[in-house]
Amino acid sequence: MRQLLEQMNLNQKLRYIILSVVIPLVVCIGISLGLLGAYSREYQEITRNIQIACEFDLEFKSNIDLEMYYFSVRSRNQTGLPMEEMDEAMRVINALTDNTRDKEGNESIQSVAAYCHTLEEKMKQMEETDSYDERQDQLEKNIYLLTRLVQEEMRRYIYYEGKYMSGLQEQMAKNVWIVIVVVAISVVILVGLLLYSAFRFSNRISRAVGNLCENVSLVGGGNFDIPLIEEQDYELQQLSQGITRMANQIGNLLEDVKREEQRQHMIQLQLLQEQVNPHFLYNTLDTIMWLVEAGKTQDAIFMLNRLSVFFRVALSTGKDIIRLKEEVAHTRSYMEIQQIRYRDIMDYEIILPEELEEIRLPKLTIQPLVENALYHGVKEKRGKSTIRIICTEEGEDVQIMVEDNGIGMKPERKEELEQALREGKRAGFGLAAVHERIKLYSGPGYGVKILSGYGKGTRIEVRLSKDIQPES
């Protein structure tokens, strides 16, 4: 056995220790539960027998006596013998006979059955009697007497069943204590064996695991030059070699990950900037041209100025982190340009407390949300709508709400967008990019939340940290 254990790997040894304790314990508990289950079933059968017998005792005599009286006097309420009641009584008696295990109770229920057979014969004899006086005499001497005997014998059966149940209960209580003692002793012995085997097993590998943990701690601290630990167990030896190889590679991998993360981040920003709808620029220039041709020079100059502010902030000399007031100014220039084009259907309102103006955030956070509100909310609704931007302070966080009273979203569209945000997929104009970049700078608990009802409007809530630092 010792040689066999030495040939096992760690997984097999651990299974052997657990199964050597669990299997005997499960067998012991299974036997105990089986014994208790047998007692429980027998107890339930006796209880059911007593219940059936009590119901029989309460109804049989009174019902048969009354119906036979009506039959003897030839009442219109009883034109025939109560054979259905007798058949039901025999069915109950046969059921009790099959389920009764006590000898005395079985003899008693057999007597009830015999009395019922005699009662049926006397009932048929009474049916053949024409004389009223003779029927009354048979009713008193035969029917009433036999129903009373049936009732008394059924009560005797109930007594025997109750006596048998009491004895069974005492025996069951005694055996339960025996089972508890046996199970407790078995559990103590088996748990003792389990603890002894577990301590031996854990002590043998704890030293090796401790050495490996020291190496892992060195790697976690940034020291990737760790010694190779020699172990007897194959798994521990492989683990030690794997940790050493991992330490040799992890430094280079960390550098690769940092470079890749920066590259992906810049690509994401470039994509977001490139998503600015070229039609916006074309339409704005067309509008400026129309204003010039119409002689509205001041309006044309105003739109050119707003367009200049819009692209100046969008480019931000390559910076990704800007102040909140700059982002709001960028968004305001976009809304002022769009209001000239959509003055009949769009108003806007911006609420930015002075104490939040210097808060840093990724650029192109608010404008894509406003563009969504305009093209998918305001323009889809008849009549005039308002887009509101509200910036508030929430403890250590800042919340930016972009809401409109436009057409809103249908539930399936809202669910589609929320699922896209959860899975990092494209979701509308820049919505996923805004969400991912907020999480990148603030953490996983931050990002975009969608609130919308079809026909009621849409509100996009952006939560970000106040601790975002400017780029160095």
Protein backbone atom coordinates (compact mmCIF):
# COMPACT_ATOMS: atom_id res chain seq x y z
CA MET A 1 0.00 0.00 0.00
CA ARG A 2 2.88 2.38 0.83
CA GLN A 3 4.46 1.81 -2.58
CA LEU A 4 1.11 2.40 -4.26
CA LEU A 5 0.66 5.70 -2.41
CA GLU A 6 4.14 6.85 -3.38
CA GLN A 7 3.31 6.26 -7.03
CA MET A 8 0.20 8.47 -6.85
CA ASN A 9 0.23 12.10 -7.84
CA LEU A 10 -1.06 14.82 -5.53
CA ASN A 11 -4.57 14.73 -6.96
CA GLN A 12 -4.84 10.96 -6.54
CA LYS A 13 -3.47 11.12 -2.99
CA LEU A 14 -5.97 13.80 -2.03
CA ARG A 15 -8.83 11.80 -3.53
CA TYR A 16 -7.67 8.69 -1.68
CA ILE A 17 -7.67 10.53 1.66
CA ILE A 18 -11.13 12.01 1.07
CA LEU A 19 -12.75 8.83 -0.26
CA SER A 20 -11.30 6.68 2.54
CA VAL A 21 -13.31 8.82 4.96
CA VAL A 22 -16.33 9.84 2.92
CA ILE A 23 -17.34 6.38 1.67
CA PRO A 24 -17.60 4.74 5.14
CA LEU A 25 -19.37 7.83 6.46
CA VAL A 26 -21.89 7.84 3.59
CA VAL A 27 -22.53 4.10 4.06
CA CYS A 28 -23.11 4.58 7.79
CA ILE A 29 -25.45 7.53 7.26
CA GLY A 30 -27.27 5.70 4.44
CA ILE A 31 -27.96 2.68 6.66
CA SER A 32 -29.17 4.96 9.46
CA LEU A 33 -31.45 6.91 7.15
CA GLY A 34 -32.81 3.68 5.66
CA LEU A 35 -33.67 2.37 9.12
CA LEU A 36 -35.33 5.61 10.12
CA GLY A 37 -37.18 5.72 6.82
CA ALA A 38 -38.60 2.22 7.39
CA TYR A 39 -39.83 3.21 10.84
CA SER A 40 -41.31 6.41 9.45
CA ARG A 41 -43.23 4.58 6.70
CA GLU A 42 -44.62 2.04 9.18
CA TYR A 43 -45.62 4.82 11.56
CA GLN A 44 -47.41 6.67 8.75
CA GLU A 45 -49.29 3.49 7.76
CA ILE A 46 -50.53 3.00 11.32
CA THR A 47 -51.58 6.65 11.57
CA ARG A 48 -53.46 6.37 8.29
CA ASN A 49 -55.17 3.15 9.45
CA ILE A 50 -56.33 4.80 12.67
CA GLN A 51 -57.64 7.83 10.79
CA ILE A 52 -59.61 5.66 8.35
CA ALA A 53 -60.96 3.51 11.18
CA CYS A 54 -62.08 6.58 13.15
CA GLU A 55 -63.93 7.98 10.13
CA PHE A 56 -65.55 4.57 9.63
CA ASP A 57 -66.56 4.41 13.30
CA LEU A 58 -68.15 7.88 13.19
CA GLU A 59 -70.30 7.30 10.10
CA PHE A 60 -71.02 3.60 9.53
CA LYS A 61 -73.50 2.71 12.31
CA SER A 62 -75.55 5.91 12.19
CA ASN A 63 -75.83 5.88 8.39
CA ILE A 64 -76.73 2.16 8.08
CA ASP A 65 -79.20 2.28 10.99
CA LEU A 66 -80.99 5.30 9.57
CA GLU A 67 -81.18 4.02 6.02
CA MET A 68 -82.37 0.56 7.13
CA TYR A 69 -85.04 2.19 9.32
CA TYR A 70 -86.32 4.13 6.32
CA PHE A 71 -86.26 0.92 4.30
CA SER A 72 -88.18 -1.01 6.97
CA VAL A 73 -90.97 1.55 7.04
CA ARG A 74 -90.95 1.75 3.24
CA SER A 75 -90.08 5.45 3.22
CA ARG A 76 -89.95 7.25 -0.09
CA ASN A 77 -86.45 8.44 0.87
CA GLN A 78 -85.13 4.86 0.87
CA THR A 79 -86.44 2.55 -1.82
CA GLY A 80 -83.61 0.00 -1.72
CA LEU A 81 -80.94 -1.52 0.49
CA PRO A 82 -77.85 0.68 1.19
CA MET A 83 -75.56 -1.67 -0.72
CA GLU A 84 -73.30 1.18 -1.90
CA GLU A 85 -72.51 2.00 1.72
CA MET A 86 -71.80 -1.65 2.42
CA ASP A 87 -69.51 -1.93 -0.61
CA GLU A 88 -67.61 1.18 0.51
CA ALA A 89 -67.34 -0.28 4.01
CA MET A 90 -65.89 -3.52 2.64
CA ARG A 91 -63.41 -1.55 0.54
CA VAL A 92 -62.23 0.26 3.65
CA ILE A 93 -62.02 -2.97 5.62
CA ASN A 94 -60.01 -4.69 2.86
CA ALA A 95 -57.61 -1.73 2.74
CA LEU A 96 -57.14 -1.88 6.50
CA THR A 97 -56.57 -5.63 6.29
CA ASP A 98 -53.81 -5.19 3.73
CA ASN A 99 -52.06 -2.45 5.76
CA THR A 100 -52.40 -3.90 9.27
CA ARG A 101 -49.26 -5.60 10.65
CA ASP A 102 -50.26 -6.14 14.28
CA LYS A 103 -51.66 -9.61 14.96
CA GLU A 104 -54.41 -8.50 17.34
CA GLY A 105 -55.41 -5.64 15.07
CA ASN A 106 -55.56 -8.02 12.10
CA GLU A 107 -57.81 -10.42 14.01
CA SER A 108 -60.07 -7.53 15.01
CA ILE A 109 -60.44 -6.22 11.46
CA GLN A 110 -61.19 -9.77 10.26
CA SER A 111 -64.02 -9.85 12.80
CA VAL A 112 -65.34 -6.56 11.43
CA ALA A 113 -65.32 -8.06 7.95
CA ALA A 114 -67.23 -11.13 9.17
CA TYR A 115 -69.85 -8.96 10.89
CA CYS A 116 -70.29 -6.94 7.72
CA HIS A 117 -70.87 -10.10 5.65
CA THR A 118 -73.48 -11.24 8.17
CA LEU A 119 -75.04 -7.78 8.10
CA GLU A 120 -75.42 -7.98 4.32
CA GLU A 121 -77.16 -11.35 4.64
CA LYS A 122 -79.56 -9.98 7.27
CA MET A 123 -80.29 -6.95 5.12
CA LYS A 124 -81.19 -9.18 2.17
CA GLN A 125 -83.33 -11.34 4.48
CA MET A 126 -85.16 -8.23 5.65
CA GLU A 127 -85.72 -7.21 2.02
CA GLU A 128 -87.65 -10.47 1.44
CA THR A 129 -89.89 -9.92 4.51
CA ASP A 130 -93.31 -8.45 3.75
CA SER A 131 -94.67 -8.03 7.26
CA TYR A 132 -94.02 -4.63 8.86
CA ASP A 133 -93.82 -6.12 12.37
CA GLU A 134 -91.33 -8.75 11.29
CA ARG A 135 -89.19 -6.11 9.57
CA GLN A 136 -89.17 -4.05 12.75
CA ASP A 137 -88.23 -7.10 14.77
CA GLN A 138 -85.38 -7.90 12.34
CA LEU A 139 -84.26 -4.27 12.46
CA GLU A 140 -83.94 -4.35 16.25
CA LYS A 141 -82.53 -7.87 16.69
CA ASN A 142 -80.36 -8.16 13.60
CA ILE A 143 -79.47 -4.84 11.96
CA TYR A 144 -78.96 -2.67 15.04
CA LEU A 145 -77.19 -5.48 16.85
CA LEU A 146 -74.75 -6.17 13.99
CA THR A 147 -73.96 -2.49 13.38
CA ARG A 148 -73.24 -2.13 17.12
CA LEU A 149 -70.95 -5.16 16.95
CA VAL A 150 -69.18 -3.69 13.92
CA GLN A 151 -68.75 -0.40 15.76
CA GLU A 152 -67.42 -2.06 18.92
CA GLU A 153 -65.03 -4.28 16.98
CA MET A 154 -63.76 -1.30 14.95
CA ARG A 155 -63.10 0.58 18.19
CA ARG A 156 -61.22 -2.46 19.45
CA TYR A 157 -59.18 -2.37 16.24
CA ILE A 158 -58.39 1.30 16.83
CA TYR A 159 -57.25 0.43 20.35
CA TYR A 160 -54.92 -2.33 19.09
CA GLU A 161 -53.48 -0.10 16.38
CA GLY A 162 -52.86 2.68 18.90
CA LYS A 163 -51.19 0.22 21.24
CA TYR A 164 -49.01 -1.08 18.40
CA MET A 165 -48.14 2.50 17.39
CA SER A 166 -47.13 3.32 20.95
CA GLY A 167 -44.81 0.31 21.05
CA LEU A 168 -43.39 1.19 17.66
CA GLN A 169 -42.77 4.75 18.83
CA GLU A 170 -40.86 3.52 21.88
CA GLN A 171 -38.80 1.15 19.73
CA MET A 172 -38.16 3.89 17.19
CA ALA A 173 -37.02 6.34 19.89
CA LYS A 174 -34.64 3.71 21.28
CA ASN A 175 -33.24 2.90 17.86
CA VAL A 176 -32.87 6.61 17.03
CA TRP A 177 -30.62 7.03 20.05
CA ILE A 178 -28.63 4.00 18.99
CA VAL A 179 -28.28 5.42 15.48
CA ILE A 180 -27.21 8.80 16.85
CA VAL A 181 -24.57 7.22 19.06
CA VAL A 182 -23.28 5.00 16.24
CA VAL A 183 -23.19 7.87 13.76
CA ALA A 184 -21.50 10.17 16.28
CA ILE A 185 -18.82 7.59 17.08
CA SER A 186 -18.31 6.90 13.38
CA VAL A 187 -18.04 10.60 12.60
CA VAL A 188 -15.51 11.14 15.40
CA ILE A 189 -13.37 8.20 14.25
CA LEU A 190 -13.56 9.08 10.56
CA VAL A 191 -12.94 12.79 11.15
CA GLY A 192 -9.98 11.87 13.31
CA LEU A 193 -8.57 9.74 10.53
CA LEU A 194 -9.26 12.52 8.04
CA LEU A 195 -7.47 15.10 10.19
CA TYR A 196 -4.50 12.83 10.77
CA SER A 197 -4.14 12.09 7.06
CA ALA A 198 -4.73 15.70 6.11
CA PHE A 199 -2.09 16.97 8.55
CA ARG A 200 0.46 14.52 7.24
CA PHE A 201 -0.39 15.41 3.66
CA SER A 202 -0.37 19.16 4.27
CA ASN A 203 2.87 19.12 6.28
CA ARG A 204 4.61 17.23 3.51
CA ILE A 205 3.74 19.76 0.82
CA SER A 206 3.43 22.95 2.91
CA ARG A 207 7.16 23.51 3.02
CA ALA A 208 7.44 23.18 -0.74
CA VAL A 209 4.41 25.39 -1.30
CA GLY A 210 5.86 27.95 1.12
CA ASN A 211 9.02 28.14 -0.96
CA LEU A 212 6.98 28.52 -4.10
CA CYS A 213 4.92 31.28 -2.45
CA GLU A 214 8.12 33.14 -1.63
CA ASN A 215 9.08 33.00 -5.28
CA VAL A 216 5.61 34.20 -6.29
CA SER A 217 5.90 37.08 -3.79
CA LEU A 218 9.20 38.05 -5.36
CA VAL A 219 7.56 38.07 -8.77
CA GLY A 220 4.63 40.09 -7.42
CA GLY A 221 7.11 42.63 -6.05
CA GLY A 222 8.70 43.05 -9.45
CA ASN A 223 11.73 40.80 -8.87
CA PHE A 224 11.73 38.31 -11.73
CA ASP A 225 15.16 36.76 -10.96
CA ILE A 226 14.08 33.87 -8.72
CA PRO A 227 15.83 30.57 -7.85
CA LEU A 228 14.61 27.18 -9.10
CA ILE A 229 13.29 24.99 -6.25
CA GLU A 230 13.94 21.25 -6.45
CA GLU A 231 10.95 19.10 -5.30
CA GLN A 232 10.25 15.37 -5.16
CA ASP A 233 6.61 15.55 -6.22
CA TYR A 234 6.15 15.81 -9.96
CA GLU A 235 3.43 18.48 -9.77
CA LEU A 236 5.42 20.71 -7.44
CA GLN A 237 8.51 20.34 -9.59
CA GLN A 238 6.51 21.33 -12.68
CA LEU A 239 4.99 24.24 -10.78
CA SER A 240 8.39 25.48 -9.68
CA GLN A 241 9.76 25.29 -13.20
CA GLY A 242 6.67 26.99 -14.57
CA ILE A 243 6.95 29.86 -12.07
CA THR A 244 10.58 30.34 -12.99
CA ARG A 245 9.81 30.40 -16.71
CA MET A 246 6.88 32.73 -16.10
CA ALA A 247 9.09 35.10 -14.11
CA ASN A 248 11.60 35.21 -16.94
CA GLN A 249 8.87 36.16 -19.41
CA ILE A 250 6.59 38.34 -17.34
CA GLY A 251 8.80 41.43 -17.42
CA ASN A 252 8.81 41.51 -21.19
CA LEU A 253 5.10 40.73 -21.31
CA LEU A 254 4.31 43.64 -18.99
CA GLU A 255 6.15 46.01 -21.23
CA ASP A 256 4.37 44.60 -24.28
CA VAL A 257 0.99 44.97 -22.56
CA LYS A 258 1.69 48.60 -21.65
CA ARG A 259 2.71 49.43 -25.18
CA GLU A 260 -0.31 47.62 -26.63
CA GLU A 261 -2.68 49.32 -24.20
CA GLN A 262 -1.36 52.73 -25.13
CA ARG A 263 -1.60 51.87 -28.82
CA GLN A 264 -5.20 50.63 -28.47
CA HIS A 265 -6.14 53.70 -26.49
CA MET A 266 -4.78 56.04 -29.13
CA ILE A 267 -6.50 54.06 -31.88
CA GLN A 268 -9.78 54.29 -29.98
CA LEU A 269 -9.42 58.04 -29.62
CA GLN A 270 -8.58 58.41 -33.29
CA LEU A 271 -11.62 56.35 -34.24
CA LEU A 272 -13.82 58.45 -32.02
CA GLN A 273 -12.50 61.64 -33.58
CA GLU A 274 -12.97 60.21 -37.06
CA GLN A 275 -16.58 59.35 -36.19
CA VAL A 276 -17.49 63.06 -36.24
CA ASN A 277 -20.09 62.97 -38.97
CA PRO A 278 -18.62 64.59 -42.14
CA HIS A 279 -22.14 65.59 -43.06
CA PHE A 280 -22.04 67.95 -40.07
CA LEU A 281 -19.08 69.79 -41.59
CA TYR A 282 -20.59 69.76 -45.09
CA ASN A 283 -23.98 70.99 -43.88
CA THR A 284 -22.38 73.68 -41.72
CA LEU A 285 -20.32 75.00 -44.64
CA ASP A 286 -23.40 74.91 -46.88
CA THR A 287 -25.31 76.88 -44.26
CA ILE A 288 -22.50 79.45 -44.01
CA MET A 289 -22.48 79.78 -47.81
CA TRP A 290 -26.23 80.29 -47.83
CA LEU A 291 -25.97 82.95 -45.11
CA VAL A 292 -23.28 84.80 -47.07
CA GLU A 293 -25.35 84.69 -50.23
CA ALA A 294 -28.37 85.93 -48.28
CA GLY A 295 -26.34 88.83 -46.93
CA LYS A 296 -26.45 87.57 -43.32
CA THR A 297 -22.78 88.22 -42.76
CA GLN A 298 -22.94 88.36 -38.96
CA ASP A 299 -24.68 84.99 -38.77
CA ALA A 300 -22.08 83.51 -41.13
CA ILE A 301 -19.23 84.91 -39.00
CA PHE A 302 -20.89 83.52 -35.86
CA MET A 303 -21.13 80.03 -37.38
CA LEU A 304 -17.50 80.15 -38.55
CA ASN A 305 -16.45 81.16 -35.06
CA ARG A 306 -18.43 78.31 -33.50
CA LEU A 307 -17.02 75.86 -36.04
CA SER A 308 -13.50 77.04 -35.19
CA VAL A 309 -14.12 76.46 -31.47
CA PHE A 310 -15.60 73.05 -32.20
CA PHE A 311 -12.55 71.74 -34.09
CA ARG A 312 -10.05 73.50 -31.84
CA VAL A 313 -11.27 71.54 -28.82
CA ALA A 314 -11.75 68.35 -30.84
CA LEU A 315 -8.09 68.41 -31.84
CA SER A 316 -6.77 69.79 -28.50
CA THR A 317 -3.21 69.65 -29.85
CA GLY A 318 -3.24 65.87 -29.45
CA LYS A 319 -4.24 65.86 -25.74
CA ASP A 320 -6.86 63.40 -24.59
CA ILE A 321 -7.62 64.85 -21.13
CA ILE A 322 -9.15 68.34 -21.06
CA ARG A 323 -11.03 70.47 -18.56
CA LEU A 324 -14.78 70.14 -18.21
CA LYS A 325 -15.36 73.76 -19.20
CA GLU A 326 -13.45 73.12 -22.45
CA GLU A 327 -15.58 70.05 -23.18
CA VAL A 328 -18.73 72.06 -22.44
CA ALA A 329 -17.50 74.89 -24.70
CA HIS A 330 -16.87 72.35 -27.47
CA THR A 331 -20.36 70.93 -27.03
CA ARG A 332 -21.93 74.39 -26.79
CA SER A 333 -20.34 75.39 -30.14
CA TYR A 334 -21.81 72.24 -31.71
CA MET A 335 -25.28 73.00 -30.30
CA GLU A 336 -25.14 76.65 -31.34
CA ILE A 337 -24.33 75.62 -34.92
CA GLN A 338 -27.11 73.01 -34.92
CA GLN A 339 -29.60 75.43 -33.39
CA ILE A 340 -29.22 77.74 -36.39
CA ARG A 341 -30.12 74.79 -38.64
CA TYR A 342 -32.83 73.32 -36.38
CA ARG A 343 -34.12 76.43 -34.56
CA ASP A 344 -37.70 75.32 -35.13
CA ILE A 345 -37.32 72.01 -33.32
CA MET A 346 -34.41 72.37 -30.87
CA ASP A 347 -33.58 74.36 -27.75
CA TYR A 348 -30.77 73.63 -25.35
CA GLU A 349 -29.72 74.37 -21.79
CA ILE A 350 -26.35 73.85 -20.09
CA ILE A 351 -25.87 73.83 -16.30
CA LEU A 352 -22.22 73.80 -15.22
CA PRO A 353 -21.40 74.89 -11.64
CA GLU A 354 -18.27 77.04 -11.41
CA GLU A 355 -16.58 74.66 -8.96
CA LEU A 356 -16.66 71.87 -11.56
CA GLU A 357 -15.14 73.80 -14.44
CA GLU A 358 -11.58 72.62 -13.77
CA ILE A 359 -12.52 68.94 -13.45
CA ARG A 360 -10.59 66.81 -15.96
CA LEU A 361 -12.24 64.29 -18.27
CA PRO A 362 -11.56 62.58 -21.63
CA LYS A 363 -12.41 64.87 -24.50
CA LEU A 364 -15.34 64.02 -26.78
CA THR A 365 -17.34 62.75 -23.80
CA ILE A 366 -20.42 65.01 -24.02
CA GLN A 367 -20.66 65.99 -27.71
CA PRO A 368 -21.32 62.43 -29.04
CA LEU A 369 -24.16 62.09 -26.51
CA VAL A 370 -25.67 65.43 -27.61
CA GLU A 371 -25.45 64.36 -31.25
CA ASN A 372 -27.30 61.15 -30.36
CA ALA A 373 -29.98 63.19 -28.57
CA LEU A 374 -30.42 65.48 -31.60
CA TYR A 375 -30.54 62.91 -34.39
CA HIS A 376 -32.25 60.02 -32.57
CA GLY A 377 -34.48 61.92 -30.14
CA VAL A 378 -35.29 65.48 -31.17
CA LYS A 379 -35.50 65.02 -34.94
CA GLU A 380 -37.70 61.92 -34.58
CA LYS A 381 -40.34 63.83 -32.62
CA ARG A 382 -42.79 66.33 -34.00
CA GLY A 383 -42.65 69.73 -32.37
CA LYS A 384 -39.95 71.48 -30.39
CA SER A 385 -37.71 69.63 -27.93
CA THR A 386 -35.03 70.66 -25.47
CA ILE A 387 -31.61 69.12 -24.88
CA ARG A 388 -30.28 69.74 -21.38
CA ILE A 389 -26.72 69.18 -20.09
CA ILE A 390 -26.52 69.10 -16.28
CA CYS A 391 -23.23 68.69 -14.42
CA THR A 392 -23.43 67.85 -10.71
CA GLU A 393 -21.08 66.79 -7.94
CA GLU A 394 -21.80 63.42 -6.31
CA GLY A 395 -19.36 63.03 -3.42
CA GLU A 396 -16.02 62.06 -4.94
CA ASP A 397 -17.58 61.71 -8.38
CA VAL A 398 -18.99 63.96 -11.07
CA GLN A 399 -22.22 63.14 -12.88
CA ILE A 400 -23.00 64.56 -16.32
CA MET A 401 -26.55 64.13 -17.57
CA VAL A 402 -27.53 64.64 -21.19
CA GLU A 403 -31.31 64.50 -21.43
CA ASP A 404 -33.91 65.33 -24.02
CA ASN A 405 -37.70 65.23 -24.23
CA GLY A 406 -37.62 63.78 -27.70
CA ILE A 407 -39.14 60.54 -28.97
CA GLY A 408 -37.19 58.24 -26.61
CA MET A 409 -36.22 54.63 -27.19
CA LYS A 410 -38.27 51.50 -27.58
CA PRO A 411 -37.52 48.85 -24.92
CA GLU A 412 -35.81 46.51 -27.39
CA ARG A 413 -33.52 49.28 -28.64
CA LYS A 414 -32.64 50.31 -25.09
CA GLU A 415 -31.84 46.68 -24.19
CA GLU A 416 -29.71 46.38 -27.35
CA LEU A 417 -27.67 49.44 -26.38
CA GLU A 418 -27.25 48.32 -22.76
CA GLN A 419 -26.07 44.88 -23.88
CA ALA A 420 -23.63 46.51 -26.29
CA LEU A 421 -22.21 48.59 -23.43
CA ARG A 422 -21.84 45.51 -21.23
CA GLU A 423 -20.06 43.59 -23.99
CA GLY A 424 -17.95 46.52 -25.25
CA LYS A 425 -19.53 46.51 -28.72
CA ARG A 426 -20.40 49.48 -30.93
CA ALA A 427 -23.51 51.20 -29.64
CA GLY A 428 -24.65 54.26 -31.54
CA PHE A 429 -22.43 57.22 -32.28
CA GLY A 430 -19.45 56.91 -29.92
CA LEU A 431 -21.55 55.62 -27.00
CA ALA A 432 -19.41 52.52 -26.41
CA ALA A 433 -16.19 54.52 -26.89
CA VAL A 434 -17.30 57.08 -24.28
CA HIS A 435 -18.24 54.30 -21.88
CA GLU A 436 -14.94 52.42 -22.29
CA ARG A 437 -12.77 55.54 -22.03
CA ILE A 438 -14.54 56.65 -18.83
CA LYS A 439 -13.90 53.20 -17.35
CA LEU A 440 -10.28 53.34 -18.48
CA TYR A 441 -9.57 56.60 -16.63
CA SER A 442 -11.96 56.26 -13.65
CA GLY A 443 -12.30 52.52 -13.03
CA PRO A 444 -14.80 49.71 -13.56
CA GLY A 445 -17.50 51.28 -11.37
CA TYR A 446 -17.90 54.24 -13.72
CA GLY A 447 -19.29 54.79 -17.20
CA VAL A 448 -22.54 55.40 -19.05
CA LYS A 449 -26.09 54.60 -17.92
CA ILE A 450 -29.16 54.78 -20.18
CA LEU A 451 -32.62 55.87 -18.98
CA SER A 452 -35.31 56.13 -21.66
CA GLY A 453 -38.98 55.58 -22.35
CA TYR A 454 -40.58 55.61 -25.77
CA GLY A 455 -42.53 58.82 -26.22
CA LYS A 456 -41.07 60.26 -22.99
CA GLY A 457 -37.47 61.13 -23.87
CA THR A 458 -33.99 59.88 -23.02
CA ARG A 459 -31.44 60.63 -20.31
CA ILE A 460 -27.83 59.49 -20.52
CA GLU A 461 -25.95 59.59 -17.21
CA VAL A 462 -22.15 59.69 -17.27
CA ARG A 463 -20.41 59.10 -13.95
CA LEU A 464 -16.67 59.75 -13.69
CA SER A 465 -14.10 60.28 -10.98
CA LYS A 466 -12.91 63.75 -9.97
CA ASP A 467 -9.37 62.37 -9.63
CA ILE A 468 -8.58 62.06 -13.37
CA GLN A 469 -5.17 63.62 -13.81
CA PRO A 470 -4.01 65.66 -16.83
CA GLU A 471 -1.56 64.05 -19.20
CA SER A 472 2.09 64.65 -18.44
